[in-house]
Protein backbone atom coordinates (compact mmCIF):
# COMPACT_ATOMS: atom_id res chain seq x y z
CA GLN A 1 239.19 73.18 306.15
CA VAL A 2 240.11 73.56 302.49
CA LEU A 3 238.26 75.79 300.07
CA LEU A 4 238.55 74.95 296.39
CA VAL A 5 237.49 77.36 293.68
CA GLU A 6 237.41 76.37 290.03
CA SER A 7 237.63 78.75 287.12
CA GLY A 8 238.29 78.73 283.40
CA GLY A 9 235.14 77.10 282.15
CA GLY A 10 233.16 78.48 279.27
CA LEU A 11 231.80 77.85 275.82
CA VAL A 12 234.09 76.47 273.15
CA GLN A 13 233.63 74.86 269.77
CA ALA A 14 234.50 71.24 269.17
CA GLY A 15 238.21 70.84 268.64
CA GLY A 16 239.02 73.82 270.80
CA SER A 17 240.82 74.05 274.10
CA LEU A 18 240.23 75.29 277.62
CA ARG A 19 242.34 75.35 280.74
CA LEU A 20 240.63 74.94 284.07
CA SER A 21 242.20 76.15 287.28
CA CYS A 22 241.52 75.16 290.86
CA VAL A 23 242.88 77.38 293.62
CA ALA A 24 243.03 76.08 297.16
CA SER A 25 242.72 78.36 300.16
CA GLY A 26 242.24 78.02 303.88
CA ARG A 27 244.22 75.07 305.12
CA THR A 28 246.93 74.96 302.49
CA ASP A 29 249.85 74.15 304.76
CA SER A 30 249.92 70.65 303.32
CA THR A 31 249.68 69.30 299.83
CA TYR A 32 246.92 66.92 298.83
CA PRO A 33 246.22 64.42 296.12
CA MET A 34 243.91 66.22 293.73
CA GLY A 35 241.36 65.15 291.20
CA TRP A 36 239.09 66.50 288.52
CA PHE A 37 235.60 65.10 288.07
CA ARG A 38 232.73 66.02 285.83
CA GLN A 39 229.00 65.65 285.85
CA ALA A 40 226.85 65.95 282.78
CA PRO A 41 223.11 66.67 283.05
CA GLY A 42 221.27 63.61 284.29
CA LYS A 43 224.51 61.67 284.76
CA GLU A 44 226.63 60.51 287.66
CA ARG A 45 229.70 62.44 288.68
CA VAL A 46 232.64 60.62 287.14
CA PHE A 47 236.39 60.65 287.35
CA VAL A 48 238.39 62.63 284.81
CA ALA A 49 241.97 62.98 286.07
CA ALA A 50 244.02 62.90 289.25
CA ILE A 51 247.48 63.90 290.38
CA SER A 52 249.68 62.98 293.31
CA ARG A 53 250.84 65.47 295.92
CA ASN A 54 254.10 66.32 294.21
CA GLY A 55 252.79 65.96 290.70
CA GLY A 56 254.89 62.91 289.98
CA SER A 57 252.01 60.62 289.11
CA THR A 58 248.95 61.33 287.00
CA TYR A 59 245.90 59.29 286.10
CA TYR A 60 243.26 59.72 283.43
CA ASP A 61 240.00 58.23 282.43
CA ASP A 62 240.24 56.56 279.05
CA SER A 63 237.74 59.02 277.61
CA VAL A 64 240.17 61.92 278.03
CA LYS A 65 243.54 60.21 277.78
CA GLY A 66 245.74 61.91 275.24
CA ARG A 67 243.55 65.01 275.18
CA PHE A 68 243.56 66.29 278.77
CA THR A 69 246.55 67.03 280.98
CA ILE A 70 246.44 67.54 284.73
CA SER A 71 249.21 69.49 286.42
CA ARG A 72 249.83 71.41 289.61
CA ASP A 73 251.81 74.31 290.99
CA ASN A 74 252.14 73.83 294.72
CA ILE A 75 253.70 77.25 295.21
CA LYS A 76 250.51 78.80 293.85
CA ASN A 77 248.28 76.16 295.47
CA THR A 78 246.74 75.59 292.09
CA VAL A 79 245.81 72.55 290.03
CA TYR A 80 245.16 72.79 286.31
CA LEU A 81 243.33 70.77 283.74
CA GLN A 82 244.39 71.51 280.19
CA MET A 83 241.69 70.27 277.84
CA ASN A 84 242.48 69.94 274.15
CA SER A 85 240.54 68.52 271.23
CA LEU A 86 237.31 69.07 273.09
CA ARG A 87 234.22 67.15 272.06
CA PRO A 88 230.53 67.83 272.68
CA GLU A 89 230.45 64.84 275.03
CA ASP A 90 232.94 66.67 277.26
CA THR A 91 230.16 69.11 278.16
CA ALA A 92 229.67 68.98 281.92
CA VAL A 93 230.21 70.77 285.18
CA TYR A 94 233.81 70.15 286.17
CA TYR A 95 234.69 69.80 289.84
CA CYS A 96 238.02 70.02 291.58
CA ALA A 97 238.56 67.79 294.59
CA ALA A 98 241.18 67.16 297.26
CA ARG A 99 241.63 64.39 299.76
CA GLN A 100 243.56 63.73 302.93
CA GLY A 101 246.51 61.43 302.85
CA ILE A 102 248.84 60.45 300.08
CA ALA A 103 246.85 57.99 298.01
CA VAL A 104 245.44 59.08 294.68
CA LEU A 105 241.97 57.77 293.93
CA THR A 106 239.98 57.54 290.73
CA THR A 107 236.74 57.32 292.70
CA THR A 108 234.70 60.09 294.32
CA GLN A 109 236.12 59.38 297.80
CA TYR A 110 237.56 62.85 298.25
CA ASP A 111 237.24 65.13 301.27
CA TYR A 112 236.92 68.58 299.74
CA TRP A 113 235.08 69.75 296.66
CA GLY A 114 234.78 72.95 294.72
CA GLN A 115 231.51 74.37 293.43
CA GLY A 116 232.25 73.48 289.84
CA THR A 117 232.75 75.31 286.59
CA GLN A 118 230.65 74.81 283.49
CA VAL A 119 232.28 73.59 280.30
CA THR A 120 230.14 73.59 277.18
CA VAL A 121 231.43 72.26 273.87
CA SER A 122 229.37 73.03 270.81
CA SER A 123 229.33 71.07 267.56
């Protein structure tokens, strides 16, 4: 029902910044709790950040706290992940996700997923 498309990934040197975007289309008549997850080669998909429907509450994994910022623009149906002070260990495919309801989760229990965007951080 909801199509999510990520963009903004790329190659950046350590210490640099990137901003990821996730645009929702299809069934966008309602707002959803949104999350960002990432999956490095050979690793499990893990939580990065999440945001409530109105953007009033945000959550971060400790590994990115203070460096990444999640935000949303509901008029544009877009969620962002601003990534600063990037490290090589941040290299992964980053996925945008949405879920039904109002609860924000830091697990992978989301209903809709994008195809991912590659972020590569070089030393």
